[in-house]
Amino acid sequence: MNHLLTLTAMRVRLALRNKMFFFFSFGMPLVFFFLYAAVFAKSDPMQVAYLLGPVLGLNVMGSFWGLSAALVMFREQGILRRFHVSPVTELDMLLSSIFANYVLALPTVLVELLLARFMFHVPTLGNISSLWLLISIGIISFGSLGLVIASVTNTMQETQVLNQLLWLPLIFLSGATIPFMFLSIAVQHIALFLPATYLVHGLKRAIVDHVGPTALLVVLLSLTVWFILTLFLSTQLFRWEPEAKIGRKAKLYVAATAIPFVLLGLWEAKYGRVIAEENTTIQRIDAAEKAEKEKAQQPPKPTAETPKAPAPEKY
């Protein structure tokens, strides 16, 4: 346990010394936040609340990118070799990466929530318990995806290519960049097999619909099982030495980590729960906006203080 805490603290310190970390982990997420809130949502509180889920989802999903690149860089530079001669296990190294990633990601999420609440006047942040659980499990599960990528790639070039191949479907098919209901029916059914879809959908439901953890139990359990599978696989494929290469057949084991969302996607494709809930959420927001506009267009009711117009004089 001491080794794990020491490694976690070291990883946090190394990240804070890197100027690029502040740009990609703090600067870029805030740029996306203001783009979504001020431009796409036009600073409307209800629209900002709806788009807050996708913004947080982008922030959470992006955790795998930097984590995978950092581990591969450590291996190529021989840094992992130095840890290998110390009493540090593969599990210590991998878990410390996830914990450090979690500690570094939370401040940006907190700043985005505070900006939404006090700058864009979002009425409520929804169910805080559900929001915290989704963000926490999302960070560690997508972080563990980064561990798998670092374990199955041999060079930084391979890592960047695989990151790109995974990142583009995650952001474009999950509802994080393009609203889920704007996608065609066929694309929506493909998106039901992606973990990012359930993360973004769960965040929107927690914020807009105020649903509790019980209603999101399927999503939380699926992400947790996915985390366990990816962590186990990364411990089996982890390599300390830069000379150690992994074979092509071993990379096929990565497909096993998709089992929870293959099963969930088949179930959702049959019953259409996510698609129906997305429709309901949009209808609720449209109805709330329509009611606000009608209320704003109504003339103010006269009060006791309101001066009445003088009666016409009679001649």
C-alpha atoms as a PDB file:
ATOM      1  CA  MET A   1       0.000   0.000   0.000  1.00  0.00           C
ATOM      2  CA  ASN A   2       2.874   2.380   0.754  1.00  0.00           C
ATOM      3  CA  HIS A   3       4.362   1.692  -2.677  1.00  0.00           C
ATOM      4  CA  LEU A   4       1.032   2.455  -4.305  1.00  0.00           C
ATOM      5  CA  LEU A   5       0.598   5.776  -2.509  1.00  0.00           C
ATOM      6  CA  THR A   6       4.203   6.808  -3.189  1.00  0.00           C
ATOM      7  CA  LEU A   7       3.873   6.015  -6.888  1.00  0.00           C
ATOM      8  CA  THR A   8       0.576   7.895  -7.094  1.00  0.00           C
ATOM      9  CA  ALA A   9       2.060  10.999  -5.476  1.00  0.00           C
ATOM     10  CA  MET A  10       5.060  10.819  -7.800  1.00  0.00           C
ATOM     11  CA  ARG A  11       2.864  10.556 -10.907  1.00  0.00           C
ATOM     12  CA  VAL A  12       0.837  13.571  -9.786  1.00  0.00           C
ATOM     13  CA  ARG A  13       3.994  15.640  -9.224  1.00  0.00           C
ATOM     14  CA  LEU A  14       5.412  14.687 -12.623  1.00  0.00           C
ATOM     15  CA  ALA A  15       2.188  15.692 -14.358  1.00  0.00           C
ATOM     16  CA  LEU A  16       2.035  19.044 -12.581  1.00  0.00           C
ATOM     17  CA  ARG A  17       5.555  19.869 -13.788  1.00  0.00           C
ATOM     18  CA  ASN A  18       4.499  19.365 -17.406  1.00  0.00           C
ATOM     19  CA  LYS A  19       3.152  22.483 -19.133  1.00  0.00           C
ATOM     20  CA  MET A  20       1.434  20.382 -21.790  1.00  0.00           C
ATOM     21  CA  PHE A  21      -0.567  18.709 -19.029  1.00  0.00           C
ATOM     22  CA  PHE A  22      -2.177  22.012 -18.059  1.00  0.00           C
ATOM     23  CA  PHE A  23      -3.076  22.710 -21.679  1.00  0.00           C
ATOM     24  CA  PHE A  24      -4.659  19.344 -22.516  1.00  0.00           C
ATOM     25  CA  SER A  25      -6.091  18.515 -19.076  1.00  0.00           C
ATOM     26  CA  PHE A  26      -7.297  21.944 -17.988  1.00  0.00           C
ATOM     27  CA  GLY A  27      -7.153  24.448 -20.851  1.00  0.00           C
ATOM     28  CA  MET A  28      -8.733  22.370 -23.616  1.00  0.00           C
ATOM     29  CA  PRO A  29     -11.648  21.056 -21.493  1.00  0.00           C
ATOM     30  CA  LEU A  30     -12.539  24.634 -20.533  1.00  0.00           C
ATOM     31  CA  VAL A  31     -12.406  25.678 -24.185  1.00  0.00           C
ATOM     32  CA  PHE A  32     -14.902  22.913 -25.000  1.00  0.00           C
ATOM     33  CA  PHE A  33     -17.033  23.911 -22.017  1.00  0.00           C
ATOM     34  CA  PHE A  34     -17.373  27.537 -23.124  1.00  0.00           C
ATOM     35  CA  LEU A  35     -17.885  26.462 -26.747  1.00  0.00           C
ATOM     36  CA  TYR A  36     -20.798  24.233 -25.747  1.00  0.00           C
ATOM     37  CA  ALA A  37     -22.292  26.578 -23.139  1.00  0.00           C
ATOM     38  CA  ALA A  38     -21.880  29.966 -24.815  1.00  0.00           C
ATOM     39  CA  VAL A  39     -22.086  29.048 -28.520  1.00  0.00           C
ATOM     40  CA  PHE A  40     -24.122  25.858 -28.881  1.00  0.00           C
ATOM     41  CA  ALA A  41     -26.414  26.426 -25.887  1.00  0.00           C
ATOM     42  CA  LYS A  42     -26.442  30.246 -26.352  1.00  0.00           C
ATOM     43  CA  SER A  43     -26.094  30.596 -22.559  1.00  0.00           C
ATOM     44  CA  ASP A  44     -29.615  29.258 -22.061  1.00  0.00           C
ATOM     45  CA  PRO A  45     -29.619  27.536 -18.622  1.00  0.00           C
ATOM     46  CA  MET A  46     -31.741  24.566 -19.738  1.00  0.00           C
ATOM     47  CA  GLN A  47     -29.612  23.962 -22.833  1.00  0.00           C
ATOM     48  CA  VAL A  48     -26.410  24.342 -20.808  1.00  0.00           C
ATOM     49  CA  ALA A  49     -27.708  21.728 -18.358  1.00  0.00           C
ATOM     50  CA  TYR A  50     -28.415  19.343 -21.253  1.00  0.00           C
ATOM     51  CA  LEU A  51     -24.982  19.859 -22.836  1.00  0.00           C
ATOM     52  CA  LEU A  52     -23.165  19.652 -19.506  1.00  0.00           C
ATOM     53  CA  GLY A  53     -23.367  15.846 -19.665  1.00  0.00           C
ATOM     54  CA  PRO A  54     -21.552  15.626 -23.034  1.00  0.00           C
ATOM     55  CA  VAL A  55     -18.933  18.157 -21.869  1.00  0.00           C
ATOM     56  CA  LEU A  56     -18.206  16.144 -18.723  1.00  0.00           C
ATOM     57  CA  GLY A  57     -18.233  12.965 -20.808  1.00  0.00           C
ATOM     58  CA  LEU A  58     -15.517  14.345 -23.094  1.00  0.00           C
ATOM     59  CA  ASN A  59     -13.441  15.242 -20.074  1.00  0.00           C
ATOM     60  CA  VAL A  60     -13.849  11.801 -18.508  1.00  0.00           C
ATOM     61  CA  MET A  61     -13.267   9.841 -21.719  1.00  0.00           C
ATOM     62  CA  GLY A  62     -10.110  11.749 -22.566  1.00  0.00           C
ATOM     63  CA  SER A  63      -8.380  10.264 -19.535  1.00  0.00           C
ATOM     64  CA  PHE A  64      -7.252   7.202 -21.482  1.00  0.00           C
ATOM     65  CA  TRP A  65      -5.284   9.264 -24.014  1.00  0.00           C
ATOM     66  CA  GLY A  66      -2.680  10.831 -21.756  1.00  0.00           C
ATOM     67  CA  LEU A  67      -2.385   7.774 -19.528  1.00  0.00           C
ATOM     68  CA  SER A  68      -1.535   5.410 -22.394  1.00  0.00           C
ATOM     69  CA  ALA A  69       0.981   7.856 -23.899  1.00  0.00           C
ATOM     70  CA  ALA A  70       2.703   8.402 -20.548  1.00  0.00           C
ATOM     71  CA  LEU A  71       3.212   4.688 -19.856  1.00  0.00           C
ATOM     72  CA  VAL A  72       4.554   3.977 -23.338  1.00  0.00           C
ATOM     73  CA  MET A  73       6.918   6.958 -23.050  1.00  0.00           C
ATOM     74  CA  PHE A  74       8.155   5.667 -19.674  1.00  0.00           C
ATOM     75  CA  ARG A  75       8.811   2.250 -21.206  1.00  0.00           C
ATOM     76  CA  GLU A  76      10.628   3.628 -24.259  1.00  0.00           C
ATOM     77  CA  GLN A  77      12.831   5.878 -22.111  1.00  0.00           C
ATOM     78  CA  GLY A  78      13.734   3.007 -19.757  1.00  0.00           C
ATOM     79  CA  ILE A  79      11.994   4.582 -16.750  1.00  0.00           C
ATOM     80  CA  LEU A  80       9.855   1.507 -16.115  1.00  0.00           C
ATOM     81  CA  ARG A  81      13.015  -0.608 -16.043  1.00  0.00           C
ATOM     82  CA  ARG A  82      14.202   1.318 -12.997  1.00  0.00           C
ATOM     83  CA  PHE A  83      10.941   0.621 -11.184  1.00  0.00           C
ATOM     84  CA  HIS A  84      11.273  -3.064 -12.031  1.00  0.00           C
ATOM     85  CA  VAL A  85      14.348  -3.443  -9.815  1.00  0.00           C
ATOM     86  CA  SER A  86      12.431  -1.928  -6.893  1.00  0.00           C
ATOM     87  CA  PRO A  87       9.754  -3.752  -4.844  1.00  0.00           C
ATOM     88  CA  VAL A  88       7.005  -2.454  -7.141  1.00  0.00           C
ATOM     89  CA  THR A  89       4.597  -4.857  -8.829  1.00  0.00           C
ATOM     90  CA  GLU A  90       2.766  -4.489 -12.119  1.00  0.00           C
ATOM     91  CA  LEU A  91      -0.464  -3.904 -10.227  1.00  0.00           C
ATOM     92  CA  ASP A  92       1.136  -1.119  -8.166  1.00  0.00           C
ATOM     93  CA  MET A  93       2.288   0.662 -11.298  1.00  0.00           C
ATOM     94  CA  LEU A  94      -1.065   0.330 -13.080  1.00  0.00           C
ATOM     95  CA  LEU A  95      -3.246   1.274 -10.119  1.00  0.00           C
ATOM     96  CA  SER A  96      -1.054   4.278  -9.296  1.00  0.00           C
ATOM     97  CA  SER A  97      -1.544   5.474 -12.874  1.00  0.00           C
ATOM     98  CA  ILE A  98      -5.325   5.229 -12.491  1.00  0.00           C
ATOM     99  CA  PHE A  99      -5.375   6.923  -9.078  1.00  0.00           C
ATOM    100  CA  ALA A 100      -3.122   9.765 -10.238  1.00  0.00           C
ATOM    101  CA  ASN A 101      -5.291  10.197 -13.316  1.00  0.00           C
ATOM    102  CA  TYR A 102      -8.364  10.394 -11.072  1.00  0.00           C
ATOM    103  CA  VAL A 103      -6.828  13.000  -8.777  1.00  0.00           C
ATOM    104  CA  LEU A 104      -5.744  15.137 -11.727  1.00  0.00           C
ATOM    105  CA  ALA A 105      -9.088  14.940 -13.566  1.00  0.00           C
ATOM    106  CA  LEU A 106     -11.394  15.889 -10.686  1.00  0.00           C
ATOM    107  CA  PRO A 107     -10.415  19.606 -10.370  1.00  0.00           C
ATOM    108  CA  THR A 108     -11.328  20.311 -14.005  1.00  0.00           C
ATOM    109  CA  VAL A 109     -14.687  18.568 -13.568  1.00  0.00           C
ATOM    110  CA  LEU A 110     -15.366  20.593 -10.416  1.00  0.00           C
ATOM    111  CA  VAL A 111     -14.518  23.883 -12.164  1.00  0.00           C
ATOM    112  CA  GLU A 112     -16.886  23.059 -15.038  1.00  0.00           C
ATOM    113  CA  LEU A 113     -19.718  22.280 -12.614  1.00  0.00           C
ATOM    114  CA  LEU A 114     -19.161  25.537 -10.711  1.00  0.00           C
ATOM    115  CA  LEU A 115     -19.062  27.569 -13.926  1.00  0.00           C
ATOM    116  CA  ALA A 116     -22.288  25.966 -15.119  1.00  0.00           C
ATOM    117  CA  ARG A 117     -24.007  26.682 -11.807  1.00  0.00           C
ATOM    118  CA  PHE A 118     -22.857  30.240 -11.111  1.00  0.00           C
ATOM    119  CA  MET A 119     -21.842  31.717 -14.482  1.00  0.00           C
ATOM    120  CA  PHE A 120     -24.526  30.179 -16.726  1.00  0.00           C
ATOM    121  CA  HIS A 121     -27.142  29.941 -13.943  1.00  0.00           C
ATOM    122  CA  VAL A 122     -28.026  26.286 -14.421  1.00  0.00           C
ATOM    123  CA  PRO A 123     -30.899  25.839 -11.926  1.00  0.00           C
ATOM    124  CA  THR A 124     -29.568  22.575 -10.508  1.00  0.00           C
ATOM    125  CA  LEU A 125     -26.777  20.094 -11.141  1.00  0.00           C
ATOM    126  CA  GLY A 126     -29.166  17.187 -10.754  1.00  0.00           C
ATOM    127  CA  ASN A 127     -28.527  14.180  -8.566  1.00  0.00           C
ATOM    128  CA  ILE A 128     -25.067  14.763  -7.078  1.00  0.00           C
ATOM    129  CA  SER A 129     -24.667  11.126  -5.947  1.00  0.00           C
ATOM    130  CA  SER A 130     -25.300   9.785  -9.454  1.00  0.00           C
ATOM    131  CA  LEU A 131     -23.088  12.465 -10.966  1.00  0.00           C
ATOM    132  CA  TRP A 132     -20.166  11.660  -8.656  1.00  0.00           C
ATOM    133  CA  LEU A 133     -20.477   7.897  -9.185  1.00  0.00           C
ATOM    134  CA  LEU A 134     -20.615   8.213 -12.975  1.00  0.00           C
ATOM    135  CA  ILE A 135     -17.649  10.579 -13.098  1.00  0.00           C
ATOM    136  CA  SER A 136     -15.570   8.460 -10.705  1.00  0.00           C
ATOM    137  CA  ILE A 137     -16.274   5.100 -12.328  1.00  0.00           C
ATOM    138  CA  GLY A 138     -15.971   6.704 -15.769  1.00  0.00           C
ATOM    139  CA  ILE A 139     -12.500   8.099 -15.044  1.00  0.00           C
ATOM    140  CA  ILE A 140     -11.115   4.827 -13.712  1.00  0.00           C
ATOM    141  CA  SER A 141     -12.748   2.665 -16.396  1.00  0.00           C
ATOM    142  CA  PHE A 142     -11.608   4.803 -19.336  1.00  0.00           C
ATOM    143  CA  GLY A 143      -8.252   5.188 -17.618  1.00  0.00           C
ATOM    144  CA  SER A 144      -7.954   1.414 -17.550  1.00  0.00           C
ATOM    145  CA  LEU A 145      -8.607   1.455 -21.296  1.00  0.00           C
ATOM    146  CA  GLY A 146      -5.449   3.539 -21.555  1.00  0.00           C
ATOM    147  CA  LEU A 147      -3.575   0.845 -19.638  1.00  0.00           C
ATOM    148  CA  VAL A 148      -4.649  -1.762 -22.187  1.00  0.00           C
ATOM    149  CA  ILE A 149      -3.567   0.467 -25.073  1.00  0.00           C
ATOM    150  CA  ALA A 150      -0.169   0.970 -23.437  1.00  0.00           C
ATOM    151  CA  SER A 151       0.126  -2.796 -22.934  1.00  0.00           C
ATOM    152  CA  VAL A 152      -0.669  -3.853 -26.521  1.00  0.00           C
ATOM    153  CA  THR A 153       1.312  -1.171 -28.405  1.00  0.00           C
ATOM    154  CA  ASN A 154       5.074  -1.371 -28.858  1.00  0.00           C
ATOM    155  CA  THR A 155       5.887   2.228 -29.831  1.00  0.00           C
ATOM    156  CA  MET A 156       4.526   5.729 -29.276  1.00  0.00           C
ATOM    157  CA  GLN A 157       3.493   5.880 -32.943  1.00  0.00           C
ATOM    158  CA  GLU A 158       1.333   2.776 -32.533  1.00  0.00           C
ATOM    159  CA  THR A 159      -0.161   4.248 -29.371  1.00  0.00           C
ATOM    160  CA  GLN A 160      -1.159   7.496 -31.076  1.00  0.00           C
ATOM    161  CA  VAL A 161      -2.721   5.665 -34.018  1.00  0.00           C
ATOM    162  CA  LEU A 162      -4.749   3.365 -31.772  1.00  0.00           C
ATOM    163  CA  ASN A 163      -5.802   6.306 -29.596  1.00  0.00           C
ATOM    164  CA  GLN A 164      -7.107   8.113 -32.672  1.00  0.00           C
ATOM    165  CA  LEU A 165      -8.963   5.046 -33.932  1.00  0.00           C
ATOM    166  CA  LEU A 166     -10.722   4.677 -30.593  1.00  0.00           C
ATOM    167  CA  TRP A 167     -11.245   8.363 -29.812  1.00  0.00           C
ATOM    168  CA  LEU A 168     -13.129   9.330 -32.980  1.00  0.00           C
ATOM    169  CA  PRO A 169     -15.957   6.765 -32.635  1.00  0.00           C
ATOM    170  CA  LEU A 170     -16.209   7.470 -28.913  1.00  0.00           C
ATOM    171  CA  ILE A 171     -16.832  11.188 -29.362  1.00  0.00           C
ATOM    172  CA  PHE A 172     -18.863  11.185 -32.578  1.00  0.00           C
ATOM    173  CA  LEU A 173     -21.191   8.228 -31.941  1.00  0.00           C
ATOM    174  CA  SER A 174     -21.850   8.597 -28.217  1.00  0.00           C
ATOM    175  CA  GLY A 175     -23.719  11.905 -28.244  1.00  0.00           C
ATOM    176  CA  ALA A 176     -20.730  13.791 -26.841  1.00  0.00           C
ATOM    177  CA  THR A 177     -20.303  16.000 -29.935  1.00  0.00           C
ATOM    178  CA  ILE A 178     -23.324  15.273 -32.137  1.00  0.00           C
ATOM    179  CA  PRO A 179     -26.656  15.027 -30.252  1.00  0.00           C
ATOM    180  CA  PHE A 180     -27.613  11.373 -30.050  1.00  0.00           C
ATOM    181  CA  MET A 181     -31.070  11.910 -31.550  1.00  0.00           C
ATOM    182  CA  PHE A 182     -29.561  13.643 -34.601  1.00  0.00           C
ATOM    183  CA  LEU A 183     -27.873  10.380 -35.598  1.00  0.00           C
ATOM    184  CA  SER A 184     -29.605   7.981 -37.955  1.00  0.00           C
ATOM    185  CA  ILE A 185     -31.363   4.947 -36.499  1.00  0.00           C
ATOM    186  CA  ALA A 186     -28.667   2.623 -37.851  1.00  0.00           C
ATOM    187  CA  VAL A 187     -25.862   4.691 -36.289  1.00  0.00           C
ATOM    188  CA  GLN A 188     -27.760   4.882 -32.997  1.00  0.00           C
ATOM    189  CA  HIS A 189     -27.887   1.086 -32.826  1.00  0.00           C
ATOM    190  CA  ILE A 190     -24.137   0.911 -33.501  1.00  0.00           C
ATOM    191  CA  ALA A 191     -23.534   3.459 -30.739  1.00  0.00           C
ATOM    192  CA  LEU A 192     -25.364   1.209 -28.268  1.00  0.00           C
ATOM    193  CA  PHE A 193     -22.276  -1.036 -28.228  1.00  0.00           C
ATOM    194  CA  LEU A 194     -19.934   1.765 -27.061  1.00  0.00           C
ATOM    195  CA  PRO A 195     -19.238   2.431 -23.356  1.00  0.00           C
ATOM    196  CA  ALA A 196     -19.064   6.165 -24.063  1.00  0.00           C
ATOM    197  CA  THR A 197     -22.739   6.177 -25.093  1.00  0.00           C
ATOM    198  CA  TYR A 198     -23.856   4.956 -21.675  1.00  0.00           C
ATOM    199  CA  LEU A 199     -21.525   7.330 -19.848  1.00  0.00           C
ATOM    200  CA  VAL A 200     -22.810  10.407 -21.697  1.00  0.00           C
ATOM    201  CA  HIS A 201     -26.422   9.228 -21.487  1.00  0.00           C
ATOM    202  CA  GLY A 202     -26.082   8.543 -17.769  1.00  0.00           C
ATOM    203  CA  LEU A 203     -24.573  11.974 -17.114  1.00  0.00           C
ATOM    204  CA  LYS A 204     -27.427  13.685 -18.969  1.00  0.00           C
ATOM    205  CA  ARG A 205     -30.019  11.726 -17.021  1.00  0.00           C
ATOM    206  CA  ALA A 206     -28.323  12.492 -13.701  1.00  0.00           C
ATOM    207  CA  ILE A 207     -28.220  16.239 -14.463  1.00  0.00           C
ATOM    208  CA  VAL A 208     -31.453  16.845 -16.386  1.00  0.00           C
ATOM    209  CA  ASP A 209     -33.742  14.105 -15.062  1.00  0.00           C
ATOM    210  CA  HIS A 210     -32.304  13.956 -11.508  1.00  0.00           C
ATOM    211  CA  VAL A 211     -32.270  10.148 -11.548  1.00  0.00           C
ATOM    212  CA  GLY A 212     -30.619   8.350  -8.631  1.00  0.00           C
ATOM    213  CA  PRO A 213     -27.913   5.673  -8.692  1.00  0.00           C
ATOM    214  CA  THR A 214     -30.522   2.899  -8.655  1.00  0.00           C
ATOM    215  CA  ALA A 215     -31.893   3.980 -12.036  1.00  0.00           C
ATOM    216  CA  LEU A 216     -28.338   4.009 -13.422  1.00  0.00           C
ATOM    217  CA  LEU A 217     -27.346   0.688 -11.891  1.00  0.00           C
ATOM    218  CA  VAL A 218     -26.948  -1.085 -15.249  1.00  0.00           C
ATOM    219  CA  VAL A 219     -24.574   1.592 -16.521  1.00  0.00           C
ATOM    220  CA  LEU A 220     -22.561   1.691 -13.293  1.00  0.00           C
ATOM    221  CA  LEU A 221     -22.225  -2.101 -13.165  1.00  0.00           C
ATOM    222  CA  SER A 222     -21.241  -2.326 -16.841  1.00  0.00           C
ATOM    223  CA  LEU A 223     -18.510   0.293 -16.434  1.00  0.00           C
ATOM    224  CA  THR A 224     -17.269  -1.432 -13.269  1.00  0.00           C
ATOM    225  CA  VAL A 225     -17.082  -4.857 -14.950  1.00  0.00           C
ATOM    226  CA  TRP A 226     -15.322  -3.226 -17.895  1.00  0.00           C
ATOM    227  CA  PHE A 227     -12.775  -1.685 -15.519  1.00  0.00           C
ATOM    228  CA  ILE A 228     -12.068  -5.052 -13.876  1.00  0.00           C
ATOM    229  CA  LEU A 229     -11.588  -6.788 -17.230  1.00  0.00           C
ATOM    230  CA  THR A 230      -9.314  -4.108 -18.671  1.00  0.00           C
ATOM    231  CA  LEU A 231      -7.243  -3.907 -15.483  1.00  0.00           C
ATOM    232  CA  PHE A 232      -6.803  -7.687 -15.395  1.00  0.00           C
ATOM    233  CA  LEU A 233      -5.803  -7.812 -19.062  1.00  0.00           C
ATOM    234  CA  SER A 234      -3.319  -4.946 -18.687  1.00  0.00           C
ATOM    235  CA  THR A 235      -1.622  -6.714 -15.750  1.00  0.00           C
ATOM    236  CA  GLN A 236      -1.210  -9.822 -17.906  1.00  0.00           C
ATOM    237  CA  LEU A 237       0.253  -7.935 -20.876  1.00  0.00           C
ATOM    238  CA  PHE A 238       2.282  -5.301 -18.995  1.00  0.00           C
ATOM    239  CA  ARG A 239       5.955  -5.011 -19.963  1.00  0.00           C
ATOM    240  CA  TRP A 240       8.757  -3.275 -18.087  1.00  0.00           C
ATOM    241  CA  GLU A 241      11.454  -3.488 -20.750  1.00  0.00           C
ATOM    242  CA  PRO A 242      11.368  -1.502 -24.012  1.00  0.00           C
ATOM    243  CA  GLU A 243      12.892  -4.510 -25.796  1.00  0.00           C
ATOM    244  CA  ALA A 244       9.955  -6.715 -24.837  1.00  0.00           C
ATOM    245  CA  LYS A 245       7.494  -6.884 -27.703  1.00  0.00           C
ATOM    246  CA  ILE A 246       3.981  -8.241 -27.763  1.00  0.00           C
ATOM    247  CA  GLY A 247       2.753 -10.554 -30.474  1.00  0.00           C
ATOM    248  CA  ARG A 248      -0.210  -9.913 -32.725  1.00  0.00           C
ATOM    249  CA  LYS A 249      -2.190 -12.809 -31.295  1.00  0.00           C
ATOM    250  CA  ALA A 250      -1.972 -11.378 -27.790  1.00  0.00           C
ATOM    251  CA  LYS A 251      -3.634  -8.198 -29.028  1.00  0.00           C
ATOM    252  CA  LEU A 252      -6.750 -10.194 -29.849  1.00  0.00           C
ATOM    253  CA  TYR A 253      -7.369 -10.619 -26.114  1.00  0.00           C
ATOM    254  CA  VAL A 254      -8.343  -6.943 -26.023  1.00  0.00           C
ATOM    255  CA  ALA A 255     -11.609  -7.896 -27.699  1.00  0.00           C
ATOM    256  CA  ALA A 256     -12.601  -9.720 -24.503  1.00  0.00           C
ATOM    257  CA  THR A 257     -12.885  -6.392 -22.675  1.00  0.00           C
ATOM    258  CA  ALA A 258     -15.818  -5.454 -24.926  1.00  0.00           C
ATOM    259  CA  ILE A 259     -17.995  -8.305 -23.610  1.00  0.00           C
ATOM    260  CA  PRO A 260     -20.038  -6.203 -21.100  1.00  0.00           C
ATOM    261  CA  PHE A 261     -21.050  -3.661 -23.737  1.00  0.00           C
ATOM    262  CA  VAL A 262     -21.647  -6.251 -26.443  1.00  0.00           C
ATOM    263  CA  LEU A 263     -24.223  -7.870 -24.164  1.00  0.00           C
ATOM    264  CA  LEU A 264     -25.645  -4.505 -23.090  1.00  0.00           C
ATOM    265  CA  GLY A 265     -25.786  -3.304 -26.693  1.00  0.00           C
ATOM    266  CA  LEU A 266     -27.737  -6.402 -27.786  1.00  0.00           C
ATOM    267  CA  TRP A 267     -30.209  -5.893 -24.945  1.00  0.00           C
ATOM    268  CA  GLU A 268     -30.616  -2.185 -25.711  1.00  0.00           C
ATOM    269  CA  ALA A 269     -31.017  -2.806 -29.440  1.00  0.00           C
ATOM    270  CA  LYS A 270     -33.913  -5.125 -28.645  1.00  0.00           C
ATOM    271  CA  TYR A 271     -35.747  -2.974 -26.086  1.00  0.00           C
ATOM    272  CA  GLY A 272     -34.633   0.566 -27.047  1.00  0.00           C
ATOM    273  CA  ARG A 273     -34.519   1.948 -23.509  1.00  0.00           C
ATOM    274  CA  VAL A 274     -31.694   4.453 -24.116  1.00  0.00           C
ATOM    275  CA  ILE A 275     -33.252   5.802 -27.309  1.00  0.00           C
ATOM    276  CA  ALA A 276     -36.632   6.214 -25.609  1.00  0.00           C
ATOM    277  CA  GLU A 277     -35.076   8.006 -22.635  1.00  0.00           C
ATOM    278  CA  GLU A 278     -33.160  10.358 -24.939  1.00  0.00           C
ATOM    279  CA  ASN A 279     -36.437  11.266 -26.659  1.00  0.00           C
ATOM    280  CA  THR A 280     -38.153  11.862 -23.324  1.00  0.00           C
ATOM    281  CA  THR A 281     -35.348  14.118 -22.058  1.00  0.00           C
ATOM    282  CA  ILE A 282     -35.421  16.279 -25.187  1.00  0.00           C
ATOM    283  CA  GLN A 283     -39.212  16.555 -25.029  1.00  0.00           C
ATOM    284  CA  ARG A 284     -39.004  17.685 -21.392  1.00  0.00           C
ATOM    285  CA  ILE A 285     -36.439  20.374 -22.238  1.00  0.00           C
ATOM    286  CA  ASP A 286     -38.499  21.596 -25.211  1.00  0.00           C
ATOM    287  CA  ALA A 287     -41.620  21.743 -23.057  1.00  0.00           C
ATOM    288  CA  ALA A 288     -39.800  23.667 -20.304  1.00  0.00           C
ATOM    289  CA  GLU A 289     -38.401  26.179 -22.821  1.00  0.00           C
ATOM    290  CA  LYS A 290     -41.828  26.642 -24.409  1.00  0.00           C
ATOM    291  CA  ALA A 291     -43.371  27.303 -20.998  1.00  0.00           C
ATOM    292  CA  GLU A 292     -40.660  29.860 -20.199  1.00  0.00           C
ATOM    293  CA  LYS A 293     -41.242  31.692 -23.475  1.00  0.00           C
ATOM    294  CA  GLU A 294     -45.010  31.773 -22.944  1.00  0.00           C
ATOM    295  CA  LYS A 295     -44.499  33.080 -19.433  1.00  0.00           C
ATOM    296  CA  ALA A 296     -42.180  35.807 -20.677  1.00  0.00           C
ATOM    297  CA  GLN A 297     -44.673  36.899 -23.365  1.00  0.00           C
ATOM    298  CA  GLN A 298     -47.574  37.311 -20.949  1.00  0.00           C
ATOM    299  CA  PRO A 299     -48.267  40.942 -19.919  1.00  0.00           C
ATOM    300  CA  PRO A 300     -47.533  41.727 -16.284  1.00  0.00           C
ATOM    301  CA  LYS A 301     -50.524  41.573 -13.951  1.00  0.00           C
ATOM    302  CA  PRO A 302     -51.550  44.894 -12.377  1.00  0.00           C
ATOM    303  CA  THR A 303     -50.644  45.275  -8.750  1.00  0.00           C
ATOM    304  CA  ALA A 304     -51.791  47.626  -6.019  1.00  0.00           C
ATOM    305  CA  GLU A 305     -48.802  49.860  -6.635  1.00  0.00           C
ATOM    306  CA  THR A 306     -49.401  50.056 -10.390  1.00  0.00           C
ATOM    307  CA  PRO A 307     -50.969  53.456 -11.205  1.00  0.00           C
ATOM    308  CA  LYS A 308     -54.233  53.205 -13.082  1.00  0.00           C
ATOM    309  CA  ALA A 309     -54.924  55.283 -16.161  1.00  0.00           C
ATOM    310  CA  PRO A 310     -57.143  58.305 -15.404  1.00  0.00           C
ATOM    311  CA  ALA A 311     -60.785  57.975 -16.395  1.00  0.00           C
ATOM    312  CA  PRO A 312     -61.891  60.105 -19.366  1.00  0.00           C
ATOM    313  CA  GLU A 313     -63.558  63.361 -18.388  1.00  0.00           C
ATOM    314  CA  LYS A 314     -67.220  63.770 -19.126  1.00  0.00           C
ATOM    315  CA  TYR A 315     -68.473  66.946 -20.753  1.00  0.00           C
END
